[in-house]
Amino acid sequence: MRNKKPTAIQQSYIDFIFNFKKDYGYHPIVQEIADYFGVWQNAASEMLVRLNKNGFIISTIVNDRTRQITPTESGMADSSVQLETTRADQTRNGAGWITAGDQA
């Protein structure tokens, strides 16, 4: 069953992921998340699995070694961070730009 709102610690992970992408232009790797929160890589990975399962982030494998971790609107609902849409978060189709999570 999916939670409606992330817990405080879950929200801190979501905010970190969002801010990291905003500041550096790429998604953090699990080790960077673990280092920031002072936890083992397994603990950070388990948190990402929970966030993904609850629909607060979308975690996708781009190729064999690269993972994109993107907060969803439900994950950002209680965030103090303002969710901004940029062209990097969008896909182009014949009709124009579609924001990730929108239906074409």
C-alpha atoms as a PDB file:
ATOM      1  CA  MET A   1       0.000   0.000   0.000  1.00  0.00           C
ATOM      2  CA  ARG A   2       1.325   3.415  -0.926  1.00  0.00           C
ATOM      3  CA  ASN A   3       1.661   6.140   1.684  1.00  0.00           C
ATOM      4  CA  LYS A   4      -0.020   9.421   0.881  1.00  0.00           C
ATOM      5  CA  LYS A   5       2.811  11.513   2.312  1.00  0.00           C
ATOM      6  CA  PRO A   6       6.492  10.778   2.804  1.00  0.00           C
ATOM      7  CA  THR A   7       7.866  10.622   6.339  1.00  0.00           C
ATOM      8  CA  ALA A   8      10.256  13.368   7.446  1.00  0.00           C
ATOM      9  CA  ILE A   9      13.339  11.241   6.681  1.00  0.00           C
ATOM     10  CA  GLN A  10      11.904  10.174   3.322  1.00  0.00           C
ATOM     11  CA  GLN A  11      11.239  13.835   2.505  1.00  0.00           C
ATOM     12  CA  SER A  12      14.855  14.697   3.359  1.00  0.00           C
ATOM     13  CA  TYR A  13      16.045  12.076   0.841  1.00  0.00           C
ATOM     14  CA  ILE A  14      13.646  13.410  -1.807  1.00  0.00           C
ATOM     15  CA  ASP A  15      14.798  16.988  -1.193  1.00  0.00           C
ATOM     16  CA  PHE A  16      18.459  15.942  -1.364  1.00  0.00           C
ATOM     17  CA  ILE A  17      17.911  14.159  -4.696  1.00  0.00           C
ATOM     18  CA  PHE A  18      16.047  17.161  -6.133  1.00  0.00           C
ATOM     19  CA  ASN A  19      18.618  19.697  -4.914  1.00  0.00           C
ATOM     20  CA  PHE A  20      21.564  17.574  -6.083  1.00  0.00           C
ATOM     21  CA  LYS A  21      20.126  17.391  -9.614  1.00  0.00           C
ATOM     22  CA  LYS A  22      19.372  21.114  -9.567  1.00  0.00           C
ATOM     23  CA  ASP A  23      22.858  22.046  -8.298  1.00  0.00           C
ATOM     24  CA  TYR A  24      25.007  19.640 -10.337  1.00  0.00           C
ATOM     25  CA  GLY A  25      22.880  18.932 -13.411  1.00  0.00           C
ATOM     26  CA  TYR A  26      22.929  15.163 -12.989  1.00  0.00           C
ATOM     27  CA  HIS A  27      21.343  12.602 -10.676  1.00  0.00           C
ATOM     28  CA  PRO A  28      23.212  11.491  -7.544  1.00  0.00           C
ATOM     29  CA  ILE A  29      24.581   7.974  -7.331  1.00  0.00           C
ATOM     30  CA  VAL A  30      23.676   5.800  -4.358  1.00  0.00           C
ATOM     31  CA  GLN A  31      27.111   6.326  -2.782  1.00  0.00           C
ATOM     32  CA  GLU A  32      26.691  10.130  -2.883  1.00  0.00           C
ATOM     33  CA  ILE A  33      23.314   9.776  -1.162  1.00  0.00           C
ATOM     34  CA  ALA A  34      24.808   7.431   1.439  1.00  0.00           C
ATOM     35  CA  ASP A  35      27.732   9.791   2.079  1.00  0.00           C
ATOM     36  CA  TYR A  36      25.432  12.782   2.534  1.00  0.00           C
ATOM     37  CA  PHE A  37      23.233  10.995   5.086  1.00  0.00           C
ATOM     38  CA  GLY A  38      26.126   9.194   6.788  1.00  0.00           C
ATOM     39  CA  VAL A  39      24.715   5.726   6.159  1.00  0.00           C
ATOM     40  CA  TRP A  40      25.965   2.581   4.446  1.00  0.00           C
ATOM     41  CA  GLN A  41      25.293   2.272   0.727  1.00  0.00           C
ATOM     42  CA  ASN A  42      22.861  -0.629   1.406  1.00  0.00           C
ATOM     43  CA  ALA A  43      20.764   1.602   3.691  1.00  0.00           C
ATOM     44  CA  ALA A  44      20.578   4.343   1.057  1.00  0.00           C
ATOM     45  CA  SER A  45      19.688   1.783  -1.592  1.00  0.00           C
ATOM     46  CA  GLU A  46      16.905   0.348   0.586  1.00  0.00           C
ATOM     47  CA  MET A  47      15.512   3.845   1.127  1.00  0.00           C
ATOM     48  CA  LEU A  48      15.463   4.423  -2.643  1.00  0.00           C
ATOM     49  CA  VAL A  49      13.588   1.143  -3.120  1.00  0.00           C
ATOM     50  CA  ARG A  50      11.000   2.246  -0.518  1.00  0.00           C
ATOM     51  CA  LEU A  51      10.644   5.698  -2.068  1.00  0.00           C
ATOM     52  CA  ASN A  52      10.179   4.165  -5.497  1.00  0.00           C
ATOM     53  CA  LYS A  53       7.671   1.591  -4.212  1.00  0.00           C
ATOM     54  CA  ASN A  54       5.649   4.358  -2.532  1.00  0.00           C
ATOM     55  CA  GLY A  55       5.651   6.444  -5.706  1.00  0.00           C
ATOM     56  CA  PHE A  56       7.723   9.311  -4.289  1.00  0.00           C
ATOM     57  CA  ILE A  57      10.556   8.891  -6.808  1.00  0.00           C
ATOM     58  CA  ILE A  58      11.035   7.256 -10.168  1.00  0.00           C
ATOM     59  CA  SER A  59      14.225   5.241 -10.368  1.00  0.00           C
ATOM     60  CA  THR A  60      15.179   4.052 -13.825  1.00  0.00           C
ATOM     61  CA  ILE A  61      18.235   2.299 -15.199  1.00  0.00           C
ATOM     62  CA  VAL A  62      19.369   4.190 -18.290  1.00  0.00           C
ATOM     63  CA  ASN A  63      22.113   1.777 -19.260  1.00  0.00           C
ATOM     64  CA  ASP A  64      23.906  -0.991 -17.404  1.00  0.00           C
ATOM     65  CA  ARG A  65      25.553   1.397 -14.957  1.00  0.00           C
ATOM     66  CA  THR A  66      23.596   4.658 -14.893  1.00  0.00           C
ATOM     67  CA  ARG A  67      20.513   5.240 -12.760  1.00  0.00           C
ATOM     68  CA  GLN A  68      18.244   8.272 -12.922  1.00  0.00           C
ATOM     69  CA  ILE A  69      16.431   9.124  -9.710  1.00  0.00           C
ATOM     70  CA  THR A  70      13.660  11.667 -10.118  1.00  0.00           C
ATOM     71  CA  PRO A  71      11.273  12.917  -7.406  1.00  0.00           C
ATOM     72  CA  THR A  72       7.586  12.714  -8.374  1.00  0.00           C
ATOM     73  CA  GLU A  73       4.964  15.378  -7.687  1.00  0.00           C
ATOM     74  CA  SER A  74       3.582  13.320  -4.784  1.00  0.00           C
ATOM     75  CA  GLY A  75       7.096  13.085  -3.360  1.00  0.00           C
ATOM     76  CA  MET A  76       7.522  16.845  -3.588  1.00  0.00           C
ATOM     77  CA  ALA A  77       4.050  17.763  -2.254  1.00  0.00           C
ATOM     78  CA  ASP A  78       5.247  18.519   1.297  1.00  0.00           C
ATOM     79  CA  SER A  79       8.694  19.672   0.312  1.00  0.00           C
ATOM     80  CA  SER A  80      10.051  23.076   1.184  1.00  0.00           C
ATOM     81  CA  VAL A  81      11.804  22.887  -2.188  1.00  0.00           C
ATOM     82  CA  GLN A  82       9.914  24.348  -5.152  1.00  0.00           C
ATOM     83  CA  LEU A  83       9.569  21.815  -7.970  1.00  0.00           C
ATOM     84  CA  GLU A  84      10.555  23.497 -11.225  1.00  0.00           C
ATOM     85  CA  THR A  85      10.076  22.029 -14.654  1.00  0.00           C
ATOM     86  CA  THR A  86      12.944  22.456 -17.081  1.00  0.00           C
ATOM     87  CA  ARG A  87      13.497  21.150 -20.566  1.00  0.00           C
ATOM     88  CA  ALA A  88      15.891  18.578 -19.073  1.00  0.00           C
ATOM     89  CA  ASP A  89      12.873  17.076 -17.264  1.00  0.00           C
ATOM     90  CA  GLN A  90      10.804  16.944 -20.427  1.00  0.00           C
ATOM     91  CA  THR A  91      10.517  14.830 -23.543  1.00  0.00           C
ATOM     92  CA  ARG A  92       9.694  16.201 -26.962  1.00  0.00           C
ATOM     93  CA  ASN A  93       6.985  14.629 -29.076  1.00  0.00           C
ATOM     94  CA  GLY A  94       5.299  15.849 -32.269  1.00  0.00           C
ATOM     95  CA  ALA A  95       2.873  18.057 -30.338  1.00  0.00           C
ATOM     96  CA  GLY A  96       5.487  19.769 -28.149  1.00  0.00           C
ATOM     97  CA  TRP A  97       7.103  19.214 -24.771  1.00  0.00           C
ATOM     98  CA  ILE A  98       5.731  16.693 -22.264  1.00  0.00           C
ATOM     99  CA  THR A  99       6.773  16.880 -18.620  1.00  0.00           C
ATOM    100  CA  ALA A 100       7.886  13.604 -17.080  1.00  0.00           C
ATOM    101  CA  GLY A 101       4.836  12.017 -15.478  1.00  0.00           C
ATOM    102  CA  ASP A 102       2.330  13.733 -17.789  1.00  0.00           C
ATOM    103  CA  GLN A 103       0.412  11.619 -20.219  1.00  0.00           C
ATOM    104  CA  ALA A 104       0.815  12.320 -23.918  1.00  0.00           C
END
